[in-house]
Amino acid sequence: MTAEPMPEPHAFERSMPEGRSGVPSWLIPPEGGFTAEDLDRLPQLPAHTELIDGTLVFVSPQASFHTVVMDVLVNGLRRSAPETLRVRREMTVTLAKRQRPEPDILLLRAEAVTTPAQTNFQPEDVVLAVEVVSPDSEERDRERKPQLYAKAGIRHFWRVENVDGRPMVCVYELDPATGQYGLVGIHHDRLKLTVPFDIDIDLTEIDRL
């Protein structure tokens, strides 16, 4: 996920009343930080805003690699997923009162998808969370967000790195004894797995998109 904690001023910000700090008053966090519900009620909030540790995290422009590798993985998962599962991209998961991150890709139980207007999901409905690491959010994608996903009990996590313009997919599975993710494989040209179901994705397809 390409993200940054504080955006440059946008037109919508300039139109809002400002607090003493010069920041629009609605962007000033309340005591204790923002809550998950605030993402649905703050005025003119930029698309794909996340909430991490009570702090709003705004999306910065995505690189071509980020977009294309997401296409490869989403298409591959949708080709392989059983009817009981659904694939979504860039939608939030409410993990706790002040935690509502937005994984790049989600694999969900089909019954969790209820309406076209739905904006977020619950962790018990998430089978897999995927993060494509971006230069400006490396620490968050590699450390904090996986910690949150593991704590919430999301069993499968993939971290995708850019290695010389090619995706390297690091596959993790939750250890129920420790509540932490353990690395089970690193995949370069081909992503072939048997859990959470049979998956076979040609990662070199990125060169043809």
N, C-alpha and C. Protein backbone atom coordinates (compact mmCIF):
# COMPACT_ATOMS: atom_id res chain seq x y z
N MET A 1 0.84 -1.18 0.00
CA MET A 1 0.00 0.00 0.00
C MET A 1 0.88 1.24 0.00
N THR A 2 0.68 2.10 -0.98
CA THR A 2 1.43 3.35 -1.03
C THR A 2 0.70 4.38 -0.18
N ALA A 3 1.36 4.88 0.85
CA ALA A 3 0.66 5.77 1.77
C ALA A 3 1.63 6.70 2.45
N GLU A 4 1.06 7.78 2.99
CA GLU A 4 1.86 8.74 3.74
C GLU A 4 1.00 9.27 4.88
N PRO A 5 1.57 9.52 6.05
CA PRO A 5 0.77 9.92 7.20
C PRO A 5 0.10 11.28 7.06
N MET A 6 0.70 12.24 6.39
CA MET A 6 0.13 13.58 6.30
C MET A 6 0.25 14.10 4.88
N PRO A 7 -0.87 14.41 4.20
CA PRO A 7 -0.82 14.84 2.80
C PRO A 7 -0.43 16.30 2.65
N GLU A 8 -0.02 16.65 1.45
CA GLU A 8 0.12 18.06 1.10
C GLU A 8 -1.28 18.66 1.01
N PRO A 9 -1.44 19.97 1.20
CA PRO A 9 -2.77 20.58 1.14
C PRO A 9 -3.43 20.35 -0.21
N HIS A 10 -4.68 19.95 -0.17
CA HIS A 10 -5.48 19.76 -1.37
C HIS A 10 -6.56 20.84 -1.42
N ALA A 11 -7.23 20.90 -2.55
CA ALA A 11 -8.28 21.90 -2.71
C ALA A 11 -9.36 21.74 -1.65
N PHE A 12 -9.71 20.46 -1.34
CA PHE A 12 -10.78 20.26 -0.36
C PHE A 12 -10.35 20.74 1.02
N GLU A 13 -9.03 20.65 1.31
CA GLU A 13 -8.55 21.11 2.60
C GLU A 13 -8.63 22.63 2.69
N ARG A 14 -8.27 23.31 1.60
CA ARG A 14 -8.26 24.76 1.62
C ARG A 14 -9.66 25.34 1.80
N SER A 15 -10.67 24.52 1.46
CA SER A 15 -12.04 25.00 1.57
C SER A 15 -12.64 24.77 2.95
N MET A 16 -11.91 24.03 3.82
CA MET A 16 -12.43 23.71 5.13
C MET A 16 -11.93 24.70 6.18
N PRO A 17 -12.70 24.94 7.25
CA PRO A 17 -12.23 25.82 8.32
C PRO A 17 -10.95 25.27 8.93
N GLU A 18 -10.04 26.18 9.31
CA GLU A 18 -8.76 25.76 9.85
C GLU A 18 -8.71 25.93 11.35
N GLY A 19 -7.99 25.01 12.01
CA GLY A 19 -7.72 25.14 13.43
C GLY A 19 -6.52 26.03 13.64
N ARG A 20 -6.08 26.11 14.88
CA ARG A 20 -4.98 27.00 15.21
C ARG A 20 -3.68 26.59 14.52
N SER A 21 -3.52 25.32 14.21
CA SER A 21 -2.29 24.84 13.58
C SER A 21 -2.25 25.10 12.09
N GLY A 22 -3.34 25.60 11.51
CA GLY A 22 -3.41 25.78 10.07
C GLY A 22 -3.93 24.55 9.35
N VAL A 23 -4.15 23.46 10.08
CA VAL A 23 -4.70 22.23 9.51
C VAL A 23 -6.21 22.31 9.58
N PRO A 24 -6.94 21.84 8.55
CA PRO A 24 -8.41 21.83 8.63
C PRO A 24 -8.86 21.20 9.94
N SER A 25 -9.84 21.82 10.58
CA SER A 25 -10.24 21.40 11.93
C SER A 25 -10.67 19.94 11.98
N TRP A 26 -11.28 19.44 10.90
CA TRP A 26 -11.75 18.06 10.93
C TRP A 26 -10.60 17.06 10.83
N LEU A 27 -9.39 17.52 10.46
CA LEU A 27 -8.24 16.62 10.39
C LEU A 27 -7.48 16.55 11.71
N ILE A 28 -7.84 17.41 12.66
CA ILE A 28 -7.17 17.38 13.97
C ILE A 28 -7.76 16.23 14.78
N PRO A 29 -6.95 15.24 15.17
CA PRO A 29 -7.50 14.07 15.85
C PRO A 29 -8.03 14.40 17.23
N PRO A 30 -9.12 13.76 17.64
CA PRO A 30 -9.61 13.94 19.00
C PRO A 30 -8.66 13.26 19.98
N GLU A 31 -8.87 13.49 21.25
CA GLU A 31 -8.03 12.85 22.26
C GLU A 31 -8.12 11.33 22.13
N GLY A 32 -6.99 10.68 22.05
CA GLY A 32 -6.97 9.23 21.87
C GLY A 32 -6.91 8.81 20.43
N GLY A 33 -7.12 9.75 19.50
CA GLY A 33 -7.04 9.42 18.08
C GLY A 33 -8.39 9.17 17.44
N PHE A 34 -8.39 9.06 16.13
CA PHE A 34 -9.61 8.77 15.38
C PHE A 34 -10.04 7.33 15.62
N THR A 35 -11.31 7.05 15.33
CA THR A 35 -11.84 5.70 15.45
C THR A 35 -12.22 5.16 14.07
N ALA A 36 -12.45 3.86 14.00
CA ALA A 36 -12.79 3.22 12.73
C ALA A 36 -14.03 3.85 12.10
N GLU A 37 -14.99 4.22 12.93
CA GLU A 37 -16.23 4.81 12.41
C GLU A 37 -15.99 6.17 11.77
N ASP A 38 -14.95 6.86 12.19
CA ASP A 38 -14.67 8.19 11.65
C ASP A 38 -14.39 8.15 10.15
N LEU A 39 -13.87 7.05 9.64
CA LEU A 39 -13.58 6.97 8.20
C LEU A 39 -14.84 7.10 7.36
N ASP A 40 -15.98 6.75 7.94
CA ASP A 40 -17.24 6.83 7.20
C ASP A 40 -17.96 8.15 7.39
N ARG A 41 -17.50 8.98 8.33
CA ARG A 41 -18.25 10.21 8.58
C ARG A 41 -17.45 11.50 8.47
N LEU A 42 -16.14 11.41 8.34
CA LEU A 42 -15.36 12.64 8.15
C LEU A 42 -15.66 13.24 6.78
N PRO A 43 -15.85 14.55 6.68
CA PRO A 43 -16.23 15.17 5.41
C PRO A 43 -15.09 15.15 4.40
N GLN A 44 -15.42 14.82 3.17
CA GLN A 44 -14.50 14.91 2.04
C GLN A 44 -13.17 14.19 2.29
N LEU A 45 -13.22 13.08 2.99
CA LEU A 45 -12.00 12.32 3.25
C LEU A 45 -11.49 11.72 1.95
N PRO A 46 -10.19 11.83 1.66
CA PRO A 46 -9.66 11.28 0.40
C PRO A 46 -9.92 9.78 0.30
N ALA A 47 -10.11 9.31 -0.91
CA ALA A 47 -10.33 7.87 -1.14
C ALA A 47 -9.15 7.07 -0.61
N HIS A 48 -9.44 5.88 -0.13
CA HIS A 48 -8.44 4.91 0.32
C HIS A 48 -7.65 5.37 1.54
N THR A 49 -8.27 6.22 2.36
CA THR A 49 -7.64 6.60 3.63
C THR A 49 -7.71 5.42 4.60
N GLU A 50 -6.60 5.17 5.29
CA GLU A 50 -6.53 4.11 6.28
C GLU A 50 -6.50 4.72 7.68
N LEU A 51 -6.77 3.87 8.67
CA LEU A 51 -6.61 4.27 10.07
C LEU A 51 -5.66 3.28 10.73
N ILE A 52 -4.50 3.76 11.15
CA ILE A 52 -3.50 2.93 11.82
C ILE A 52 -3.17 3.58 13.16
N ASP A 53 -3.43 2.86 14.24
CA ASP A 53 -3.13 3.36 15.58
C ASP A 53 -3.77 4.72 15.84
N GLY A 54 -5.00 4.89 15.35
CA GLY A 54 -5.74 6.12 15.57
C GLY A 54 -5.33 7.29 14.71
N THR A 55 -4.42 7.05 13.77
CA THR A 55 -3.91 8.10 12.88
C THR A 55 -4.39 7.88 11.46
N LEU A 56 -4.83 8.94 10.80
CA LEU A 56 -5.24 8.84 9.40
C LEU A 56 -4.00 8.72 8.52
N VAL A 57 -4.06 7.79 7.57
CA VAL A 57 -2.96 7.58 6.63
C VAL A 57 -3.52 7.77 5.23
N PHE A 58 -2.94 8.70 4.47
CA PHE A 58 -3.45 9.06 3.15
C PHE A 58 -2.62 8.42 2.05
N VAL A 59 -3.28 8.07 0.97
CA VAL A 59 -2.63 7.41 -0.16
C VAL A 59 -1.90 8.42 -1.03
N SER A 60 -0.69 8.06 -1.43
CA SER A 60 0.06 8.86 -2.41
C SER A 60 -0.01 8.16 -3.76
N PRO A 61 0.37 8.82 -4.85
CA PRO A 61 0.25 8.20 -6.18
C PRO A 61 0.98 6.86 -6.26
N GLN A 62 0.33 5.90 -6.91
CA GLN A 62 0.90 4.56 -7.03
C GLN A 62 1.82 4.45 -8.23
N ALA A 63 2.88 3.66 -8.08
CA ALA A 63 3.77 3.35 -9.19
C ALA A 63 3.12 2.31 -10.09
N SER A 64 3.56 2.24 -11.33
CA SER A 64 3.02 1.27 -12.28
C SER A 64 3.20 -0.15 -11.76
N PHE A 65 4.35 -0.45 -11.16
CA PHE A 65 4.59 -1.80 -10.63
C PHE A 65 3.50 -2.20 -9.65
N HIS A 66 3.17 -1.30 -8.76
CA HIS A 66 2.18 -1.57 -7.72
C HIS A 66 0.83 -1.95 -8.34
N THR A 67 0.41 -1.18 -9.32
CA THR A 67 -0.89 -1.43 -9.96
C THR A 67 -0.89 -2.72 -10.76
N VAL A 68 0.16 -2.95 -11.53
CA VAL A 68 0.19 -4.13 -12.41
C VAL A 68 0.32 -5.42 -11.61
N VAL A 69 1.14 -5.43 -10.57
CA VAL A 69 1.28 -6.65 -9.79
C VAL A 69 -0.03 -6.97 -9.06
N MET A 70 -0.77 -5.95 -8.66
CA MET A 70 -2.09 -6.20 -8.08
C MET A 70 -3.02 -6.84 -9.10
N ASP A 71 -2.97 -6.38 -10.35
CA ASP A 71 -3.79 -6.98 -11.41
C ASP A 71 -3.45 -8.46 -11.58
N VAL A 72 -2.16 -8.78 -11.61
CA VAL A 72 -1.73 -10.17 -11.79
C VAL A 72 -2.27 -11.05 -10.65
N LEU A 73 -2.13 -10.59 -9.42
CA LEU A 73 -2.55 -11.38 -8.28
C LEU A 73 -4.07 -11.48 -8.18
N VAL A 74 -4.77 -10.37 -8.39
CA VAL A 74 -6.23 -10.40 -8.32
C VAL A 74 -6.80 -11.34 -9.38
N ASN A 75 -6.31 -11.23 -10.61
CA ASN A 75 -6.81 -12.09 -11.68
C ASN A 75 -6.50 -13.56 -11.39
N GLY A 76 -5.29 -13.83 -10.89
CA GLY A 76 -4.93 -15.20 -10.57
C GLY A 76 -5.77 -15.78 -9.45
N LEU A 77 -6.02 -15.01 -8.42
CA LEU A 77 -6.85 -15.48 -7.32
C LEU A 77 -8.29 -15.72 -7.77
N ARG A 78 -8.81 -14.83 -8.59
CA ARG A 78 -10.20 -15.01 -9.04
C ARG A 78 -10.35 -16.22 -9.95
N ARG A 79 -9.32 -16.53 -10.72
CA ARG A 79 -9.38 -17.73 -11.56
C ARG A 79 -9.42 -19.00 -10.71
N SER A 80 -8.76 -18.97 -9.57
CA SER A 80 -8.57 -20.18 -8.78
C SER A 80 -9.53 -20.32 -7.60
N ALA A 81 -10.06 -19.22 -7.11
CA ALA A 81 -10.83 -19.25 -5.87
C ALA A 81 -12.11 -20.07 -6.00
N PRO A 82 -12.44 -20.85 -4.98
CA PRO A 82 -13.71 -21.58 -4.98
C PRO A 82 -14.89 -20.62 -4.84
N GLU A 83 -16.09 -21.13 -5.07
CA GLU A 83 -17.28 -20.28 -5.03
C GLU A 83 -17.56 -19.71 -3.64
N THR A 84 -16.95 -20.29 -2.63
CA THR A 84 -17.19 -19.83 -1.26
C THR A 84 -16.36 -18.61 -0.89
N LEU A 85 -15.49 -18.16 -1.80
CA LEU A 85 -14.60 -17.04 -1.50
C LEU A 85 -14.74 -15.93 -2.54
N ARG A 86 -14.41 -14.71 -2.13
CA ARG A 86 -14.45 -13.55 -3.02
C ARG A 86 -13.13 -12.77 -2.89
N VAL A 87 -12.74 -12.11 -3.96
CA VAL A 87 -11.51 -11.30 -3.97
C VAL A 87 -11.90 -9.83 -4.08
N ARG A 88 -11.31 -9.01 -3.24
CA ARG A 88 -11.53 -7.56 -3.30
C ARG A 88 -10.18 -6.86 -3.22
N ARG A 89 -10.10 -5.67 -3.81
CA ARG A 89 -8.87 -4.89 -3.75
C ARG A 89 -9.13 -3.54 -3.11
N GLU A 90 -8.18 -3.11 -2.28
CA GLU A 90 -8.21 -1.78 -1.68
C GLU A 90 -9.52 -1.47 -0.95
N MET A 91 -9.89 -2.36 -0.02
CA MET A 91 -11.03 -2.12 0.86
C MET A 91 -10.57 -2.33 2.30
N THR A 92 -11.15 -1.57 3.22
CA THR A 92 -10.67 -1.59 4.59
C THR A 92 -11.22 -2.76 5.39
N VAL A 93 -10.49 -3.08 6.47
CA VAL A 93 -10.90 -4.10 7.43
C VAL A 93 -10.88 -3.46 8.81
N THR A 94 -11.98 -3.54 9.53
CA THR A 94 -12.04 -2.98 10.88
C THR A 94 -11.51 -4.01 11.86
N LEU A 95 -10.29 -3.80 12.32
CA LEU A 95 -9.62 -4.75 13.20
C LEU A 95 -9.85 -4.43 14.67
N ALA A 96 -9.99 -3.15 14.99
CA ALA A 96 -10.18 -2.71 16.36
C ALA A 96 -10.72 -1.28 16.33
N LYS A 97 -10.96 -0.70 17.50
CA LYS A 97 -11.56 0.64 17.57
C LYS A 97 -10.76 1.67 16.79
N ARG A 98 -9.43 1.59 16.85
CA ARG A 98 -8.58 2.59 16.19
C ARG A 98 -7.69 1.98 15.11
N GLN A 99 -8.15 0.85 14.58
CA GLN A 99 -7.39 0.16 13.54
C GLN A 99 -8.31 -0.22 12.39
N ARG A 100 -8.14 0.46 11.27
CA ARG A 100 -8.92 0.13 10.07
C ARG A 100 -8.02 0.27 8.85
N PRO A 101 -7.10 -0.67 8.68
CA PRO A 101 -6.18 -0.61 7.54
C PRO A 101 -6.87 -1.04 6.25
N GLU A 102 -6.20 -0.75 5.15
CA GLU A 102 -6.70 -1.13 3.83
C GLU A 102 -5.66 -2.00 3.13
N PRO A 103 -5.80 -3.32 3.22
CA PRO A 103 -4.89 -4.19 2.46
C PRO A 103 -5.04 -3.93 0.96
N ASP A 104 -3.97 -4.20 0.23
CA ASP A 104 -4.07 -4.04 -1.22
C ASP A 104 -5.03 -5.05 -1.82
N ILE A 105 -5.02 -6.27 -1.29
CA ILE A 105 -5.91 -7.32 -1.78
C ILE A 105 -6.45 -8.09 -0.59
N LEU A 106 -7.73 -8.47 -0.68
CA LEU A 106 -8.37 -9.28 0.34
C LEU A 106 -9.00 -10.51 -0.29
N LEU A 107 -8.88 -11.63 0.39
CA LEU A 107 -9.63 -12.83 0.04
C LEU A 107 -10.62 -13.06 1.18
N LEU A 108 -11.92 -13.09 0.85
CA LEU A 108 -12.98 -13.07 1.85
C LEU A 108 -13.94 -14.23 1.71
N ARG A 109 -14.59 -14.57 2.81
CA ARG A 109 -15.72 -15.49 2.74
C ARG A 109 -16.83 -14.81 1.94
N ALA A 110 -17.44 -15.56 1.03
CA ALA A 110 -18.44 -14.97 0.12
C ALA A 110 -19.59 -14.32 0.87
N GLU A 111 -19.99 -14.91 1.99
CA GLU A 111 -21.14 -14.36 2.72
C GLU A 111 -20.84 -13.02 3.37
N ALA A 112 -19.56 -12.65 3.44
CA ALA A 112 -19.20 -11.35 4.01
C ALA A 112 -19.51 -10.20 3.07
N VAL A 113 -19.63 -10.50 1.78
CA VAL A 113 -19.94 -9.47 0.79
C VAL A 113 -21.45 -9.36 0.71
N THR A 114 -21.98 -8.26 1.24
CA THR A 114 -23.43 -8.15 1.40
C THR A 114 -24.09 -7.17 0.44
N THR A 115 -23.53 -5.97 0.28
CA THR A 115 -24.16 -4.96 -0.58
C THR A 115 -23.10 -4.23 -1.40
N PRO A 116 -23.51 -3.66 -2.55
CA PRO A 116 -22.56 -2.88 -3.35
C PRO A 116 -22.03 -1.65 -2.63
N ALA A 117 -22.76 -1.17 -1.62
CA ALA A 117 -22.35 0.03 -0.88
C ALA A 117 -21.42 -0.27 0.29
N GLN A 118 -21.10 -1.52 0.49
CA GLN A 118 -20.25 -1.93 1.62
C GLN A 118 -18.88 -1.26 1.55
N THR A 119 -18.38 -0.78 2.70
CA THR A 119 -17.09 -0.07 2.71
C THR A 119 -16.00 -0.78 3.48
N ASN A 120 -16.35 -1.77 4.31
CA ASN A 120 -15.31 -2.46 5.07
C ASN A 120 -15.78 -3.85 5.47
N PHE A 121 -14.82 -4.63 5.96
CA PHE A 121 -15.10 -6.01 6.36
C PHE A 121 -14.56 -6.26 7.76
N GLN A 122 -14.96 -7.39 8.34
CA GLN A 122 -14.50 -7.80 9.66
C GLN A 122 -13.38 -8.83 9.53
N PRO A 123 -12.45 -8.87 10.48
CA PRO A 123 -11.30 -9.76 10.34
C PRO A 123 -11.66 -11.24 10.27
N GLU A 124 -12.74 -11.63 10.94
CA GLU A 124 -13.13 -13.05 10.90
C GLU A 124 -13.58 -13.50 9.52
N ASP A 125 -13.87 -12.54 8.64
CA ASP A 125 -14.27 -12.88 7.27
C ASP A 125 -13.10 -12.90 6.29
N VAL A 126 -11.92 -12.51 6.76
CA VAL A 126 -10.75 -12.40 5.88
C VAL A 126 -9.93 -13.69 5.94
N VAL A 127 -9.73 -14.30 4.79
CA VAL A 127 -8.92 -15.52 4.68
C VAL A 127 -7.46 -15.15 4.39
N LEU A 128 -7.26 -14.11 3.58
CA LEU A 128 -5.92 -13.70 3.15
C LEU A 128 -5.87 -12.18 3.01
N ALA A 129 -4.80 -11.58 3.50
CA ALA A 129 -4.52 -10.16 3.27
C ALA A 129 -3.20 -10.05 2.52
N VAL A 130 -3.15 -9.15 1.53
CA VAL A 130 -1.95 -8.98 0.71
C VAL A 130 -1.52 -7.52 0.75
N GLU A 131 -0.23 -7.29 0.96
CA GLU A 131 0.33 -5.94 0.90
C GLU A 131 1.45 -5.91 -0.15
N VAL A 132 1.35 -4.97 -1.08
CA VAL A 132 2.42 -4.71 -2.05
C VAL A 132 3.24 -3.57 -1.47
N VAL A 133 4.49 -3.84 -1.12
CA VAL A 133 5.32 -2.87 -0.42
C VAL A 133 5.69 -1.71 -1.34
N SER A 134 5.52 -0.49 -0.83
CA SER A 134 5.89 0.72 -1.56
C SER A 134 7.02 1.43 -0.83
N PRO A 135 7.87 2.16 -1.56
CA PRO A 135 9.02 2.81 -0.93
C PRO A 135 8.66 3.74 0.21
N ASP A 136 7.52 4.43 0.11
CA ASP A 136 7.18 5.40 1.14
C ASP A 136 6.37 4.81 2.29
N SER A 137 6.13 3.50 2.26
CA SER A 137 5.39 2.87 3.36
C SER A 137 5.99 1.52 3.73
N GLU A 138 7.30 1.38 3.54
CA GLU A 138 7.95 0.09 3.76
C GLU A 138 7.76 -0.43 5.18
N GLU A 139 8.02 0.41 6.16
CA GLU A 139 7.92 -0.04 7.56
C GLU A 139 6.49 -0.46 7.90
N ARG A 140 5.53 0.32 7.43
CA ARG A 140 4.13 0.00 7.70
C ARG A 140 3.73 -1.31 7.03
N ASP A 141 4.09 -1.49 5.76
CA ASP A 141 3.70 -2.69 5.02
C ASP A 141 4.41 -3.94 5.52
N ARG A 142 5.65 -3.78 5.96
CA ARG A 142 6.45 -4.94 6.37
C ARG A 142 6.29 -5.30 7.84
N GLU A 143 5.96 -4.30 8.67
CA GLU A 143 5.96 -4.55 10.11
C GLU A 143 4.60 -4.29 10.77
N ARG A 144 4.16 -3.04 10.78
CA ARG A 144 2.98 -2.72 11.58
C ARG A 144 1.72 -3.40 11.08
N LYS A 145 1.46 -3.35 9.79
CA LYS A 145 0.21 -3.93 9.29
C LYS A 145 0.18 -5.45 9.46
N PRO A 146 1.26 -6.17 9.15
CA PRO A 146 1.25 -7.61 9.46
C PRO A 146 1.02 -7.91 10.94
N GLN A 147 1.58 -7.09 11.82
CA GLN A 147 1.33 -7.27 13.26
C GLN A 147 -0.16 -7.17 13.57
N LEU A 148 -0.81 -6.18 12.97
CA LEU A 148 -2.24 -5.99 13.20
C LEU A 148 -3.05 -7.14 12.63
N TYR A 149 -2.70 -7.60 11.44
CA TYR A 149 -3.44 -8.71 10.82
C TYR A 149 -3.29 -9.97 11.66
N ALA A 150 -2.08 -10.24 12.14
CA ALA A 150 -1.85 -11.43 12.96
C ALA A 150 -2.64 -11.36 14.26
N LYS A 151 -2.59 -10.21 14.91
CA LYS A 151 -3.31 -10.03 16.18
C LYS A 151 -4.81 -10.24 16.00
N ALA A 152 -5.33 -9.87 14.82
CA ALA A 152 -6.76 -10.02 14.53
C ALA A 152 -7.12 -11.44 14.12
N GLY A 153 -6.11 -12.31 13.94
CA GLY A 153 -6.39 -13.70 13.62
C GLY A 153 -6.53 -14.02 12.15
N ILE A 154 -6.08 -13.12 11.27
CA ILE A 154 -6.13 -13.40 9.83
C ILE A 154 -5.05 -14.43 9.51
N ARG A 155 -5.47 -15.57 9.01
CA ARG A 155 -4.58 -16.72 8.94
C ARG A 155 -3.46 -16.59 7.91
N HIS A 156 -3.77 -16.02 6.75
CA HIS A 156 -2.79 -15.97 5.66
C HIS A 156 -2.44 -14.53 5.32
N PHE A 157 -1.15 -14.30 5.07
CA PHE A 157 -0.66 -12.97 4.69
C PHE A 157 0.43 -13.12 3.64
N TRP A 158 0.32 -12.30 2.57
CA TRP A 158 1.37 -12.25 1.55
C TRP A 158 1.95 -10.84 1.54
N ARG A 159 3.27 -10.78 1.47
CA ARG A 159 3.97 -9.51 1.29
C ARG A 159 4.69 -9.54 -0.04
N VAL A 160 4.43 -8.54 -0.87
CA VAL A 160 4.99 -8.52 -2.22
C VAL A 160 6.04 -7.42 -2.30
N GLU A 161 7.25 -7.80 -2.71
CA GLU A 161 8.36 -6.87 -2.84
C GLU A 161 8.71 -6.68 -4.32
N ASN A 162 9.22 -5.50 -4.63
CA ASN A 162 9.70 -5.19 -5.98
C ASN A 162 11.19 -5.49 -6.03
N VAL A 163 11.55 -6.54 -6.76
CA VAL A 163 12.96 -6.92 -6.91
C VAL A 163 13.33 -6.75 -8.38
N ASP A 164 13.99 -5.64 -8.68
CA ASP A 164 14.40 -5.34 -10.05
C ASP A 164 13.22 -5.36 -11.02
N GLY A 165 12.09 -4.82 -10.57
CA GLY A 165 10.92 -4.73 -11.43
C GLY A 165 10.09 -5.98 -11.52
N ARG A 166 10.45 -7.01 -10.77
CA ARG A 166 9.69 -8.26 -10.74
C ARG A 166 9.14 -8.49 -9.33
N PRO A 167 7.96 -9.10 -9.22
CA PRO A 167 7.41 -9.35 -7.89
C PRO A 167 8.06 -10.54 -7.20
N MET A 168 8.36 -10.38 -5.94
CA MET A 168 8.77 -11.47 -5.06
C MET A 168 7.69 -11.58 -3.99
N VAL A 169 7.02 -12.72 -3.94
CA VAL A 169 5.90 -12.90 -3.01
C VAL A 169 6.36 -13.72 -1.81
N CYS A 170 6.31 -13.10 -0.65
CA CYS A 170 6.66 -13.78 0.60
C CYS A 170 5.35 -14.24 1.25
N VAL A 171 5.22 -15.55 1.45
CA VAL A 171 3.97 -16.14 1.92
C VAL A 171 4.11 -16.49 3.41
N TYR A 172 3.15 -16.03 4.19
CA TYR A 172 3.16 -16.26 5.64
C TYR A 172 1.88 -16.97 6.07
N GLU A 173 1.99 -17.73 7.16
CA GLU A 173 0.82 -18.36 7.76
C GLU A 173 0.87 -18.12 9.26
N LEU A 174 -0.30 -17.91 9.85
CA LEU A 174 -0.39 -17.59 11.27
C LEU A 174 -0.13 -18.83 12.12
N ASP A 175 0.78 -18.69 13.08
CA ASP A 175 1.05 -19.74 14.06
C ASP A 175 0.11 -19.52 15.23
N PRO A 176 -0.88 -20.41 15.43
CA PRO A 176 -1.86 -20.18 16.51
C PRO A 176 -1.24 -20.21 17.89
N ALA A 177 -0.10 -20.87 18.04
CA ALA A 177 0.54 -20.96 19.36
C ALA A 177 1.18 -19.64 19.78
N THR A 178 1.73 -18.92 18.80
CA THR A 178 2.43 -17.66 19.11
C THR A 178 1.63 -16.43 18.73
N GLY A 179 0.62 -16.61 17.86
CA GLY A 179 -0.14 -15.47 17.37
C GLY A 179 0.65 -14.60 16.43
N GLN A 180 1.71 -15.17 15.83
CA GLN A 180 2.56 -14.43 14.90
C GLN A 180 2.65 -15.18 13.57
N TYR A 181 3.03 -14.44 12.52
CA TYR A 181 3.18 -15.06 11.21
C TYR A 181 4.53 -15.74 11.09
N GLY A 182 4.51 -16.91 10.45
CA GLY A 182 5.74 -17.61 10.11
C GLY A 182 5.88 -17.67 8.60
N LEU A 183 7.09 -17.44 8.11
CA LEU A 183 7.34 -17.48 6.67
C LEU A 183 7.33 -18.92 6.19
N VAL A 184 6.51 -19.21 5.18
CA VAL A 184 6.42 -20.58 4.66
C VAL A 184 6.95 -20.70 3.24
N GLY A 185 7.25 -19.58 2.58
CA GLY A 185 7.80 -19.67 1.23
C GLY A 185 8.04 -18.31 0.61
N ILE A 186 9.01 -18.27 -0.31
CA ILE A 186 9.30 -17.07 -1.10
C ILE A 186 9.23 -17.46 -2.56
N HIS A 187 8.45 -16.72 -3.34
CA HIS A 187 8.17 -17.09 -4.72
C HIS A 187 8.55 -15.95 -5.66
N HIS A 188 9.21 -16.31 -6.76
CA HIS A 188 9.68 -15.31 -7.72
C HIS A 188 8.89 -15.37 -9.04
N ASP A 189 9.16 -16.34 -9.88
CA ASP A 189 8.52 -16.38 -11.20
C ASP A 189 7.14 -17.03 -11.17
N ARG A 190 6.92 -17.90 -10.20
CA ARG A 190 5.66 -18.63 -10.15
C ARG A 190 5.20 -18.76 -8.70
N LEU A 191 3.93 -18.48 -8.47
CA LEU A 191 3.34 -18.62 -7.14
C LEU A 191 2.43 -19.84 -7.16
N LYS A 192 2.92 -20.93 -6.62
CA LYS A 192 2.15 -22.18 -6.61
C LYS A 192 1.99 -22.65 -5.18
N LEU A 193 0.71 -22.71 -4.73
CA LEU A 193 0.39 -23.05 -3.35
C LEU A 193 -0.77 -24.03 -3.29
N THR A 194 -0.91 -24.67 -2.14
CA THR A 194 -2.06 -25.55 -1.92
C THR A 194 -2.99 -25.01 -0.83
N VAL A 195 -2.57 -23.97 -0.13
CA VAL A 195 -3.41 -23.32 0.88
C VAL A 195 -3.39 -21.81 0.64
N PRO A 196 -4.51 -21.11 0.84
CA PRO A 196 -5.78 -21.62 1.37
C PRO A 196 -6.58 -22.46 0.38
N PHE A 197 -6.12 -22.55 -0.87
CA PHE A 197 -6.67 -23.46 -1.88
C PHE A 197 -5.59 -23.59 -2.94
N ASP A 198 -5.83 -24.42 -3.95
CA ASP A 198 -4.83 -24.60 -5.00
C ASP A 198 -4.69 -23.31 -5.81
N ILE A 199 -3.47 -22.78 -5.83
CA ILE A 199 -3.19 -21.52 -6.52
C ILE A 199 -1.97 -21.71 -7.41
N ASP A 200 -2.06 -21.23 -8.64
CA ASP A 200 -0.92 -21.28 -9.57
C ASP A 200 -0.95 -20.00 -10.41
N ILE A 201 -0.09 -19.05 -10.06
CA ILE A 201 -0.07 -17.74 -10.72
C ILE A 201 1.29 -17.51 -11.35
N ASP A 202 1.28 -17.17 -12.63
CA ASP A 202 2.51 -16.84 -13.36
C ASP A 202 2.88 -15.39 -13.05
N LEU A 203 3.89 -15.21 -12.21
CA LEU A 203 4.28 -13.86 -11.81
C LEU A 203 5.00 -13.10 -12.92
N THR A 204 5.51 -13.83 -13.92
CA THR A 204 6.18 -13.16 -15.04
C THR A 204 5.18 -12.48 -15.96
N GLU A 205 3.90 -12.71 -15.71
CA GLU A 205 2.86 -12.05 -16.52
C GLU A 205 2.96 -10.52 -16.41
N ILE A 206 3.61 -10.05 -15.36
CA ILE A 206 3.78 -8.60 -15.20
C ILE A 206 4.50 -7.99 -16.39
N ASP A 207 5.34 -8.78 -17.07
CA ASP A 207 6.09 -8.28 -18.23
C ASP A 207 5.20 -8.08 -19.45
N ARG A 208 4.00 -8.65 -19.43
CA ARG A 208 3.12 -8.59 -20.60
C ARG A 208 1.94 -7.65 -20.39
N LEU A 209 1.93 -6.96 -19.28
CA LEU A 209 0.80 -6.06 -18.98
C LEU A 209 1.22 -4.60 -19.06
